[in-house]
Amino acid sequence: RQSIKSYIKTDLLTLLPAALVLMVLML
């Protein structure tokens, strides 16, 4: 569970910018 918590933080910090970059390129 503690590892999941750490990974959730990592995902929020990496996936959000990645998705935004992909969206900008697509648009």
mmCIF file of all heavy atoms, coordinates in Angstrom:
data_MODEL
# 
_entry.id   MODEL 
# 
loop_
_atom_site.group_PDB 
_atom_site.id 
_atom_site.type_symbol 
_atom_site.label_atom_id 
_atom_site.label_alt_id 
_atom_site.label_comp_id 
_atom_site.label_asym_id 
_atom_site.label_entity_id 
_atom_site.label_seq_id 
_atom_site.pdbx_PDB_ins_code 
_atom_site.Cartn_x 
_atom_site.Cartn_y 
_atom_site.Cartn_z 
_atom_site.occupancy 
_atom_site.B_iso_or_equiv 
_atom_site.pdbx_formal_charge 
_atom_site.auth_seq_id 
_atom_site.auth_comp_id 
_atom_site.auth_asym_id 
_atom_site.auth_atom_id 
_atom_site.pdbx_PDB_model_num 
ATOM 1   N N   . ARG A 1 1  ? 0.827  -1.217 0.000   1.00 0.00 ? 1  ARG A N   1 
ATOM 2   C CA  . ARG A 1 1  ? 0.000  0.000  0.000   1.00 0.00 ? 1  ARG A CA  1 
ATOM 3   C C   . ARG A 1 1  ? 0.855  1.258  0.000   1.00 0.00 ? 1  ARG A C   1 
ATOM 4   O O   . ARG A 1 1  ? 0.563  2.230  -0.699  1.00 0.00 ? 1  ARG A O   1 
ATOM 5   C CB  . ARG A 1 1  ? -0.925 -0.004 1.224   1.00 0.00 ? 1  ARG A CB  1 
ATOM 6   C CG  . ARG A 1 1  ? -2.093 -0.969 1.132   1.00 0.00 ? 1  ARG A CG  1 
ATOM 7   C CD  . ARG A 1 1  ? -3.142 -0.619 2.176   1.00 0.00 ? 1  ARG A CD  1 
ATOM 8   N NE  . ARG A 1 1  ? -2.607 -0.659 3.522   1.00 0.00 ? 1  ARG A NE  1 
ATOM 9   C CZ  . ARG A 1 1  ? -2.684 -1.703 4.336   1.00 0.00 ? 1  ARG A CZ  1 
ATOM 10  N NH1 . ARG A 1 1  ? -3.287 -2.800 3.946   1.00 0.00 ? 1  ARG A NH1 1 
ATOM 11  N NH2 . ARG A 1 1  ? -2.181 -1.644 5.552   1.00 0.00 ? 1  ARG A NH2 1 
ATOM 12  N N   . GLN A 1 2  ? 1.909  1.257  0.803   1.00 0.00 ? 2  GLN A N   1 
ATOM 13  C CA  . GLN A 1 2  ? 2.783  2.425  0.842   1.00 0.00 ? 2  GLN A CA  1 
ATOM 14  C C   . GLN A 1 2  ? 3.478  2.641  -0.495  1.00 0.00 ? 2  GLN A C   1 
ATOM 15  O O   . GLN A 1 2  ? 3.662  3.782  -0.939  1.00 0.00 ? 2  GLN A O   1 
ATOM 16  C CB  . GLN A 1 2  ? 3.823  2.264  1.963   1.00 0.00 ? 2  GLN A CB  1 
ATOM 17  C CG  . GLN A 1 2  ? 4.792  3.425  2.123   1.00 0.00 ? 2  GLN A CG  1 
ATOM 18  C CD  . GLN A 1 2  ? 4.106  4.731  2.490   1.00 0.00 ? 2  GLN A CD  1 
ATOM 19  O OE1 . GLN A 1 2  ? 2.955  4.741  2.935   1.00 0.00 ? 2  GLN A OE1 1 
ATOM 20  N NE2 . GLN A 1 2  ? 4.805  5.843  2.329   1.00 0.00 ? 2  GLN A NE2 1 
ATOM 21  N N   . SER A 1 3  ? 3.838  1.555  -1.156  1.00 0.00 ? 3  SER A N   1 
ATOM 22  C CA  . SER A 1 3  ? 4.448  1.664  -2.481  1.00 0.00 ? 3  SER A CA  1 
ATOM 23  C C   . SER A 1 3  ? 3.441  2.203  -3.489  1.00 0.00 ? 3  SER A C   1 
ATOM 24  O O   . SER A 1 3  ? 3.786  3.012  -4.359  1.00 0.00 ? 3  SER A O   1 
ATOM 25  C CB  . SER A 1 3  ? 4.957  0.295  -2.938  1.00 0.00 ? 3  SER A CB  1 
ATOM 26  O OG  . SER A 1 3  ? 5.948  -0.192 -2.057  1.00 0.00 ? 3  SER A OG  1 
ATOM 27  N N   . ILE A 1 4  ? 2.199  1.756  -3.373  1.00 0.00 ? 4  ILE A N   1 
ATOM 28  C CA  . ILE A 1 4  ? 1.143  2.263  -4.256  1.00 0.00 ? 4  ILE A CA  1 
ATOM 29  C C   . ILE A 1 4  ? 0.987  3.767  -4.067  1.00 0.00 ? 4  ILE A C   1 
ATOM 30  O O   . ILE A 1 4  ? 0.834  4.520  -5.037  1.00 0.00 ? 4  ILE A O   1 
ATOM 31  C CB  . ILE A 1 4  ? -0.186 1.529  -3.981  1.00 0.00 ? 4  ILE A CB  1 
ATOM 32  C CG1 . ILE A 1 4  ? -0.102 0.086  -4.487  1.00 0.00 ? 4  ILE A CG1 1 
ATOM 33  C CG2 . ILE A 1 4  ? -1.359 2.254  -4.639  1.00 0.00 ? 4  ILE A CG2 1 
ATOM 34  C CD1 . ILE A 1 4  ? -1.298 -0.758 -4.123  1.00 0.00 ? 4  ILE A CD1 1 
ATOM 35  N N   . LYS A 1 5  ? 1.033  4.215  -2.820  1.00 0.00 ? 5  LYS A N   1 
ATOM 36  C CA  . LYS A 1 5  ? 0.914  5.644  -2.539  1.00 0.00 ? 5  LYS A CA  1 
ATOM 37  C C   . LYS A 1 5  ? 2.027  6.423  -3.227  1.00 0.00 ? 5  LYS A C   1 
ATOM 38  O O   . LYS A 1 5  ? 1.794  7.474  -3.836  1.00 0.00 ? 5  LYS A O   1 
ATOM 39  C CB  . LYS A 1 5  ? 0.961  5.877  -1.032  1.00 0.00 ? 5  LYS A CB  1 
ATOM 40  C CG  . LYS A 1 5  ? 0.770  7.329  -0.618  1.00 0.00 ? 5  LYS A CG  1 
ATOM 41  C CD  . LYS A 1 5  ? 0.699  7.459  0.896   1.00 0.00 ? 5  LYS A CD  1 
ATOM 42  C CE  . LYS A 1 5  ? 0.451  8.902  1.313   1.00 0.00 ? 5  LYS A CE  1 
ATOM 43  N NZ  . LYS A 1 5  ? 0.337  9.043  2.782   1.00 0.00 ? 5  LYS A NZ  1 
ATOM 44  N N   . SER A 1 6  ? 3.245  5.897  -3.148  1.00 0.00 ? 6  SER A N   1 
ATOM 45  C CA  . SER A 1 6  ? 4.378  6.554  -3.797  1.00 0.00 ? 6  SER A CA  1 
ATOM 46  C C   . SER A 1 6  ? 4.208  6.562  -5.313  1.00 0.00 ? 6  SER A C   1 
ATOM 47  O O   . SER A 1 6  ? 4.471  7.572  -5.980  1.00 0.00 ? 6  SER A O   1 
ATOM 48  C CB  . SER A 1 6  ? 5.675  5.829  -3.413  1.00 0.00 ? 6  SER A CB  1 
ATOM 49  O OG  . SER A 1 6  ? 6.775  6.355  -4.110  1.00 0.00 ? 6  SER A OG  1 
ATOM 50  N N   . TYR A 1 7  ? 3.730  5.451  -5.861  1.00 0.00 ? 7  TYR A N   1 
ATOM 51  C CA  . TYR A 1 7  ? 3.536  5.353  -7.306  1.00 0.00 ? 7  TYR A CA  1 
ATOM 52  C C   . TYR A 1 7  ? 2.419  6.274  -7.778  1.00 0.00 ? 7  TYR A C   1 
ATOM 53  O O   . TYR A 1 7  ? 2.466  6.791  -8.898  1.00 0.00 ? 7  TYR A O   1 
ATOM 54  C CB  . TYR A 1 7  ? 3.224  3.906  -7.693  1.00 0.00 ? 7  TYR A CB  1 
ATOM 55  C CG  . TYR A 1 7  ? 4.433  2.998  -7.773  1.00 0.00 ? 7  TYR A CG  1 
ATOM 56  C CD1 . TYR A 1 7  ? 5.602  3.302  -7.088  1.00 0.00 ? 7  TYR A CD1 1 
ATOM 57  C CD2 . TYR A 1 7  ? 4.414  1.825  -8.515  1.00 0.00 ? 7  TYR A CD2 1 
ATOM 58  C CE1 . TYR A 1 7  ? 6.704  2.470  -7.145  1.00 0.00 ? 7  TYR A CE1 1 
ATOM 59  C CE2 . TYR A 1 7  ? 5.514  0.980  -8.583  1.00 0.00 ? 7  TYR A CE2 1 
ATOM 60  C CZ  . TYR A 1 7  ? 6.656  1.309  -7.896  1.00 0.00 ? 7  TYR A CZ  1 
ATOM 61  O OH  . TYR A 1 7  ? 7.748  0.502  -7.952  1.00 0.00 ? 7  TYR A OH  1 
ATOM 62  N N   . ILE A 1 8  ? 1.374  6.442  -6.943  1.00 0.00 ? 8  ILE A N   1 
ATOM 63  C CA  . ILE A 1 8  ? 0.291  7.358  -7.307  1.00 0.00 ? 8  ILE A CA  1 
ATOM 64  C C   . ILE A 1 8  ? 0.841  8.775  -7.463  1.00 0.00 ? 8  ILE A C   1 
ATOM 65  O O   . ILE A 1 8  ? 0.512  9.490  -8.410  1.00 0.00 ? 8  ILE A O   1 
ATOM 66  C CB  . ILE A 1 8  ? -0.834 7.325  -6.247  1.00 0.00 ? 8  ILE A CB  1 
ATOM 67  C CG1 . ILE A 1 8  ? -1.622 6.017  -6.343  1.00 0.00 ? 8  ILE A CG1 1 
ATOM 68  C CG2 . ILE A 1 8  ? -1.784 8.518  -6.431  1.00 0.00 ? 8  ILE A CG2 1 
ATOM 69  C CD1 . ILE A 1 8  ? -2.658 5.841  -5.258  1.00 0.00 ? 8  ILE A CD1 1 
ATOM 70  N N   . LYS A 1 9  ? 1.688  9.185  -6.520  1.00 0.00 ? 9  LYS A N   1 
ATOM 71  C CA  . LYS A 1 9  ? 2.309  10.508 -6.620  1.00 0.00 ? 9  LYS A CA  1 
ATOM 72  C C   . LYS A 1 9  ? 3.110  10.623 -7.912  1.00 0.00 ? 9  LYS A C   1 
ATOM 73  O O   . LYS A 1 9  ? 3.028  11.629 -8.634  1.00 0.00 ? 9  LYS A O   1 
ATOM 74  C CB  . LYS A 1 9  ? 3.219  10.760 -5.413  1.00 0.00 ? 9  LYS A CB  1 
ATOM 75  C CG  . LYS A 1 9  ? 2.499  10.961 -4.097  1.00 0.00 ? 9  LYS A CG  1 
ATOM 76  C CD  . LYS A 1 9  ? 3.501  11.223 -2.985  1.00 0.00 ? 9  LYS A CD  1 
ATOM 77  C CE  . LYS A 1 9  ? 2.818  11.431 -1.641  1.00 0.00 ? 9  LYS A CE  1 
ATOM 78  N NZ  . LYS A 1 9  ? 3.797  11.642 -0.543  1.00 0.00 ? 9  LYS A NZ  1 
ATOM 79  N N   . THR A 1 10 ? 3.892  9.574  -8.200  1.00 0.00 ? 10 THR A N   1 
ATOM 80  C CA  . THR A 1 10 ? 4.711  9.583  -9.418  1.00 0.00 ? 10 THR A CA  1 
ATOM 81  C C   . THR A 1 10 ? 3.843  9.674  -10.662 1.00 0.00 ? 10 THR A C   1 
ATOM 82  O O   . THR A 1 10 ? 4.133  10.440 -11.592 1.00 0.00 ? 10 THR A O   1 
ATOM 83  C CB  . THR A 1 10 ? 5.580  8.315  -9.482  1.00 0.00 ? 10 THR A CB  1 
ATOM 84  O OG1 . THR A 1 10 ? 6.415  8.257  -8.325  1.00 0.00 ? 10 THR A OG1 1 
ATOM 85  C CG2 . THR A 1 10 ? 6.444  8.315  -10.730 1.00 0.00 ? 10 THR A CG2 1 
ATOM 86  N N   . ASP A 1 11 ? 2.760  8.905  -10.683 1.00 0.00 ? 11 ASP A N   1 
ATOM 87  C CA  . ASP A 1 11 ? 1.868  8.923  -11.846 1.00 0.00 ? 11 ASP A CA  1 
ATOM 88  C C   . ASP A 1 11 ? 1.242  10.298 -12.047 1.00 0.00 ? 11 ASP A C   1 
ATOM 89  O O   . ASP A 1 11 ? 1.139  10.788 -13.180 1.00 0.00 ? 11 ASP A O   1 
ATOM 90  C CB  . ASP A 1 11 ? 0.771  7.871  -11.676 1.00 0.00 ? 11 ASP A CB  1 
ATOM 91  C CG  . ASP A 1 11 ? 1.185  6.521  -12.242 1.00 0.00 ? 11 ASP A CG  1 
ATOM 92  O OD1 . ASP A 1 11 ? 2.378  6.369  -12.566 1.00 0.00 ? 11 ASP A OD1 1 
ATOM 93  O OD2 . ASP A 1 11 ? 0.337  5.630  -12.362 1.00 0.00 ? 11 ASP A OD2 1 
ATOM 94  N N   . LEU A 1 12 ? 0.799  10.909 -10.960 1.00 0.00 ? 12 LEU A N   1 
ATOM 95  C CA  . LEU A 1 12 ? 0.175  12.231 -11.090 1.00 0.00 ? 12 LEU A CA  1 
ATOM 96  C C   . LEU A 1 12 ? 1.164  13.266 -11.617 1.00 0.00 ? 12 LEU A C   1 
ATOM 97  O O   . LEU A 1 12 ? 0.794  14.174 -12.365 1.00 0.00 ? 12 LEU A O   1 
ATOM 98  C CB  . LEU A 1 12 ? -0.388 12.683 -9.738  1.00 0.00 ? 12 LEU A CB  1 
ATOM 99  C CG  . LEU A 1 12 ? -1.648 11.950 -9.258  1.00 0.00 ? 12 LEU A CG  1 
ATOM 100 C CD1 . LEU A 1 12 ? -2.002 12.389 -7.846  1.00 0.00 ? 12 LEU A CD1 1 
ATOM 101 C CD2 . LEU A 1 12 ? -2.819 12.194 -10.197 1.00 0.00 ? 12 LEU A CD2 1 
ATOM 102 N N   . LEU A 1 13 ? 2.435  13.120 -11.231 1.00 0.00 ? 13 LEU A N   1 
ATOM 103 C CA  . LEU A 1 13 ? 3.449  14.088 -11.639 1.00 0.00 ? 13 LEU A CA  1 
ATOM 104 C C   . LEU A 1 13 ? 3.986  13.831 -13.045 1.00 0.00 ? 13 LEU A C   1 
ATOM 105 O O   . LEU A 1 13 ? 4.567  14.726 -13.661 1.00 0.00 ? 13 LEU A O   1 
ATOM 106 C CB  . LEU A 1 13 ? 4.615  14.090 -10.642 1.00 0.00 ? 13 LEU A CB  1 
ATOM 107 C CG  . LEU A 1 13 ? 4.290  14.612 -9.235  1.00 0.00 ? 13 LEU A CG  1 
ATOM 108 C CD1 . LEU A 1 13 ? 5.486  14.433 -8.303  1.00 0.00 ? 13 LEU A CD1 1 
ATOM 109 C CD2 . LEU A 1 13 ? 3.882  16.079 -9.292  1.00 0.00 ? 13 LEU A CD2 1 
ATOM 110 N N   . THR A 1 14 ? 3.806  12.603 -13.554 1.00 0.00 ? 14 THR A N   1 
ATOM 111 C CA  . THR A 1 14 ? 4.342  12.275 -14.880 1.00 0.00 ? 14 THR A CA  1 
ATOM 112 C C   . THR A 1 14 ? 3.254  12.140 -15.943 1.00 0.00 ? 14 THR A C   1 
ATOM 113 O O   . THR A 1 14 ? 3.417  12.606 -17.067 1.00 0.00 ? 14 THR A O   1 
ATOM 114 C CB  . THR A 1 14 ? 5.164  10.970 -14.829 1.00 0.00 ? 14 THR A CB  1 
ATOM 115 O OG1 . THR A 1 14 ? 4.338  9.910  -14.303 1.00 0.00 ? 14 THR A OG1 1 
ATOM 116 C CG2 . THR A 1 14 ? 6.384  11.135 -13.940 1.00 0.00 ? 14 THR A CG2 1 
ATOM 117 N N   . LEU A 1 15 ? 2.144  11.496 -15.583 1.00 0.00 ? 15 LEU A N   1 
ATOM 118 C CA  . LEU A 1 15 ? 1.101  11.257 -16.581 1.00 0.00 ? 15 LEU A CA  1 
ATOM 119 C C   . LEU A 1 15 ? 0.402  12.540 -16.997 1.00 0.00 ? 15 LEU A C   1 
ATOM 120 O O   . LEU A 1 15 ? 0.047  12.709 -18.170 1.00 0.00 ? 15 LEU A O   1 
ATOM 121 C CB  . LEU A 1 15 ? 0.071  10.259 -16.043 1.00 0.00 ? 15 LEU A CB  1 
ATOM 122 C CG  . LEU A 1 15 ? 0.570  8.842  -15.769 1.00 0.00 ? 15 LEU A CG  1 
ATOM 123 C CD1 . LEU A 1 15 ? -0.580 7.961  -15.294 1.00 0.00 ? 15 LEU A CD1 1 
ATOM 124 C CD2 . LEU A 1 15 ? 1.215  8.241  -17.000 1.00 0.00 ? 15 LEU A CD2 1 
ATOM 125 N N   . LEU A 1 16 ? 0.182  13.446 -16.034 1.00 0.00 ? 16 LEU A N   1 
ATOM 126 C CA  . LEU A 1 16 ? -0.517 14.693 -16.351 1.00 0.00 ? 16 LEU A CA  1 
ATOM 127 C C   . LEU A 1 16 ? 0.255  15.519 -17.382 1.00 0.00 ? 16 LEU A C   1 
ATOM 128 O O   . LEU A 1 16 ? -0.310 15.909 -18.412 1.00 0.00 ? 16 LEU A O   1 
ATOM 129 C CB  . LEU A 1 16 ? -0.767 15.491 -15.073 1.00 0.00 ? 16 LEU A CB  1 
ATOM 130 C CG  . LEU A 1 16 ? -1.529 16.810 -15.213 1.00 0.00 ? 16 LEU A CG  1 
ATOM 131 C CD1 . LEU A 1 16 ? -2.874 16.587 -15.885 1.00 0.00 ? 16 LEU A CD1 1 
ATOM 132 C CD2 . LEU A 1 16 ? -1.727 17.469 -13.849 1.00 0.00 ? 16 LEU A CD2 1 
ATOM 133 N N   . PRO A 1 17 ? 1.554  15.793 -17.180 1.00 0.00 ? 17 PRO A N   1 
ATOM 134 C CA  . PRO A 1 17 ? 2.299  16.524 -18.220 1.00 0.00 ? 17 PRO A CA  1 
ATOM 135 C C   . PRO A 1 17 ? 2.362  15.766 -19.546 1.00 0.00 ? 17 PRO A C   1 
ATOM 136 O O   . PRO A 1 17 ? 2.252  16.375 -20.616 1.00 0.00 ? 17 PRO A O   1 
ATOM 137 C CB  . PRO A 1 17 ? 3.703  16.681 -17.610 1.00 0.00 ? 17 PRO A CB  1 
ATOM 138 C CG  . PRO A 1 17 ? 3.498  16.547 -16.138 1.00 0.00 ? 17 PRO A CG  1 
ATOM 139 C CD  . PRO A 1 17 ? 2.386  15.569 -15.972 1.00 0.00 ? 17 PRO A CD  1 
ATOM 140 N N   . ALA A 1 18 ? 2.528  14.430 -19.467 1.00 0.00 ? 18 ALA A N   1 
ATOM 141 C CA  . ALA A 1 18 ? 2.609  13.646 -20.705 1.00 0.00 ? 18 ALA A CA  1 
ATOM 142 C C   . ALA A 1 18 ? 1.312  13.744 -21.496 1.00 0.00 ? 18 ALA A C   1 
ATOM 143 O O   . ALA A 1 18 ? 1.333  13.930 -22.728 1.00 0.00 ? 18 ALA A O   1 
ATOM 144 C CB  . ALA A 1 18 ? 2.913  12.179 -20.373 1.00 0.00 ? 18 ALA A CB  1 
ATOM 145 N N   . ALA A 1 19 ? 0.185  13.638 -20.800 1.00 0.00 ? 19 ALA A N   1 
ATOM 146 C CA  . ALA A 1 19 ? -1.113 13.726 -21.481 1.00 0.00 ? 19 ALA A CA  1 
ATOM 147 C C   . ALA A 1 19 ? -1.329 15.116 -22.064 1.00 0.00 ? 19 ALA A C   1 
ATOM 148 O O   . ALA A 1 19 ? -1.878 15.258 -23.167 1.00 0.00 ? 19 ALA A O   1 
ATOM 149 C CB  . ALA A 1 19 ? -2.236 13.368 -20.506 1.00 0.00 ? 19 ALA A CB  1 
ATOM 150 N N   . LEU A 1 20 ? -0.898 16.135 -21.343 1.00 0.00 ? 20 LEU A N   1 
ATOM 151 C CA  . LEU A 1 20 ? -1.053 17.507 -21.840 1.00 0.00 ? 20 LEU A CA  1 
ATOM 152 C C   . LEU A 1 20 ? -0.204 17.745 -23.086 1.00 0.00 ? 20 LEU A C   1 
ATOM 153 O O   . LEU A 1 20 ? -0.649 18.388 -24.047 1.00 0.00 ? 20 LEU A O   1 
ATOM 154 C CB  . LEU A 1 20 ? -0.681 18.511 -20.744 1.00 0.00 ? 20 LEU A CB  1 
ATOM 155 C CG  . LEU A 1 20 ? -1.677 18.644 -19.583 1.00 0.00 ? 20 LEU A CG  1 
ATOM 156 C CD1 . LEU A 1 20 ? -1.097 19.517 -18.485 1.00 0.00 ? 20 LEU A CD1 1 
ATOM 157 C CD2 . LEU A 1 20 ? -3.007 19.219 -20.082 1.00 0.00 ? 20 LEU A CD2 1 
ATOM 158 N N   . VAL A 1 21 ? 1.013  17.224 -23.079 1.00 0.00 ? 21 VAL A N   1 
ATOM 159 C CA  . VAL A 1 21 ? 1.882  17.373 -24.251 1.00 0.00 ? 21 VAL A CA  1 
ATOM 160 C C   . VAL A 1 21 ? 1.261  16.670 -25.461 1.00 0.00 ? 21 VAL A C   1 
ATOM 161 O O   . VAL A 1 21 ? 1.232  17.214 -26.573 1.00 0.00 ? 21 VAL A O   1 
ATOM 162 C CB  . VAL A 1 21 ? 3.289  16.807 -23.956 1.00 0.00 ? 21 VAL A CB  1 
ATOM 163 C CG1 . VAL A 1 21 ? 4.108  16.694 -25.243 1.00 0.00 ? 21 VAL A CG1 1 
ATOM 164 C CG2 . VAL A 1 21 ? 4.014  17.699 -22.960 1.00 0.00 ? 21 VAL A CG2 1 
ATOM 165 N N   . LEU A 1 22 ? 0.771  15.455 -25.249 1.00 0.00 ? 22 LEU A N   1 
ATOM 166 C CA  . LEU A 1 22 ? 0.134  14.716 -26.342 1.00 0.00 ? 22 LEU A CA  1 
ATOM 167 C C   . LEU A 1 22 ? -1.089 15.470 -26.866 1.00 0.00 ? 22 LEU A C   1 
ATOM 168 O O   . LEU A 1 22 ? -1.332 15.512 -28.078 1.00 0.00 ? 22 LEU A O   1 
ATOM 169 C CB  . LEU A 1 22 ? -0.272 13.322 -25.857 1.00 0.00 ? 22 LEU A CB  1 
ATOM 170 C CG  . LEU A 1 22 ? 0.871  12.334 -25.594 1.00 0.00 ? 22 LEU A CG  1 
ATOM 171 C CD1 . LEU A 1 22 ? 0.345  11.060 -24.952 1.00 0.00 ? 22 LEU A CD1 1 
ATOM 172 C CD2 . LEU A 1 22 ? 1.600  11.995 -26.893 1.00 0.00 ? 22 LEU A CD2 1 
ATOM 173 N N   . MET A 1 23 ? -1.862 16.060 -25.939 1.00 0.00 ? 23 MET A N   1 
ATOM 174 C CA  . MET A 1 23 ? -3.039 16.811 -26.350 1.00 0.00 ? 23 MET A CA  1 
ATOM 175 C C   . MET A 1 23 ? -2.649 18.027 -27.190 1.00 0.00 ? 23 MET A C   1 
ATOM 176 O O   . MET A 1 23 ? -3.267 18.313 -28.224 1.00 0.00 ? 23 MET A O   1 
ATOM 177 C CB  . MET A 1 23 ? -3.827 17.259 -25.122 1.00 0.00 ? 23 MET A CB  1 
ATOM 178 C CG  . MET A 1 23 ? -5.120 17.997 -25.453 1.00 0.00 ? 23 MET A CG  1 
ATOM 179 S SD  . MET A 1 23 ? -5.861 18.803 -24.022 1.00 0.00 ? 23 MET A SD  1 
ATOM 180 C CE  . MET A 1 23 ? -4.770 20.214 -23.852 1.00 0.00 ? 23 MET A CE  1 
ATOM 181 N N   . VAL A 1 24 ? -1.623 18.743 -26.753 1.00 0.00 ? 24 VAL A N   1 
ATOM 182 C CA  . VAL A 1 24 ? -1.169 19.928 -27.486 1.00 0.00 ? 24 VAL A CA  1 
ATOM 183 C C   . VAL A 1 24 ? -0.724 19.539 -28.900 1.00 0.00 ? 24 VAL A C   1 
ATOM 184 O O   . VAL A 1 24 ? -1.082 20.203 -29.885 1.00 0.00 ? 24 VAL A O   1 
ATOM 185 C CB  . VAL A 1 24 ? -0.027 20.626 -26.726 1.00 0.00 ? 24 VAL A CB  1 
ATOM 186 C CG1 . VAL A 1 24 ? 0.669  21.650 -27.613 1.00 0.00 ? 24 VAL A CG1 1 
ATOM 187 C CG2 . VAL A 1 24 ? -0.565 21.301 -25.466 1.00 0.00 ? 24 VAL A CG2 1 
ATOM 188 N N   . LEU A 1 25 ? 0.050  18.465 -29.008 1.00 0.00 ? 25 LEU A N   1 
ATOM 189 C CA  . LEU A 1 25 ? 0.513  18.025 -30.327 1.00 0.00 ? 25 LEU A CA  1 
ATOM 190 C C   . LEU A 1 25 ? -0.656 17.626 -31.221 1.00 0.00 ? 25 LEU A C   1 
ATOM 191 O O   . LEU A 1 25 ? -0.707 17.981 -32.405 1.00 0.00 ? 25 LEU A O   1 
ATOM 192 C CB  . LEU A 1 25 ? 1.479  16.845 -30.167 1.00 0.00 ? 25 LEU A CB  1 
ATOM 193 C CG  . LEU A 1 25 ? 2.820  17.164 -29.509 1.00 0.00 ? 25 LEU A CG  1 
ATOM 194 C CD1 . LEU A 1 25 ? 3.620  15.889 -29.278 1.00 0.00 ? 25 LEU A CD1 1 
ATOM 195 C CD2 . LEU A 1 25 ? 3.629  18.138 -30.359 1.00 0.00 ? 25 LEU A CD2 1 
ATOM 196 N N   . MET A 1 26 ? -1.618 16.882 -30.642 1.00 0.00 ? 26 MET A N   1 
ATOM 197 C CA  . MET A 1 26 ? -2.776 16.459 -31.417 1.00 0.00 ? 26 MET A CA  1 
ATOM 198 C C   . MET A 1 26 ? -3.576 17.661 -31.907 1.00 0.00 ? 26 MET A C   1 
ATOM 199 O O   . MET A 1 26 ? -3.981 17.717 -33.071 1.00 0.00 ? 26 MET A O   1 
ATOM 200 C CB  . MET A 1 26 ? -3.656 15.537 -30.562 1.00 0.00 ? 26 MET A CB  1 
ATOM 201 C CG  . MET A 1 26 ? -4.825 14.887 -31.292 1.00 0.00 ? 26 MET A CG  1 
ATOM 202 S SD  . MET A 1 26 ? -6.269 15.960 -31.539 1.00 0.00 ? 26 MET A SD  1 
ATOM 203 C CE  . MET A 1 26 ? -6.668 16.383 -29.852 1.00 0.00 ? 26 MET A CE  1 
ATOM 204 N N   . LEU A 1 27 ? -3.795 18.632 -31.026 1.00 0.00 ? 27 LEU A N   1 
ATOM 205 C CA  . LEU A 1 27 ? -4.576 19.812 -31.398 1.00 0.00 ? 27 LEU A CA  1 
ATOM 206 C C   . LEU A 1 27 ? -3.869 20.623 -32.483 1.00 0.00 ? 27 LEU A C   1 
ATOM 207 O O   . LEU A 1 27 ? -4.510 21.107 -33.430 1.00 0.00 ? 27 LEU A O   1 
ATOM 208 C CB  . LEU A 1 27 ? -4.829 20.684 -30.168 1.00 0.00 ? 27 LEU A CB  1 
ATOM 209 C CG  . LEU A 1 27 ? -5.792 20.116 -29.114 1.00 0.00 ? 27 LEU A CG  1 
ATOM 210 C CD1 . LEU A 1 27 ? -5.789 20.988 -27.865 1.00 0.00 ? 27 LEU A CD1 1 
ATOM 211 C CD2 . LEU A 1 27 ? -7.201 20.007 -29.680 1.00 0.00 ? 27 LEU A CD2 1 
# 
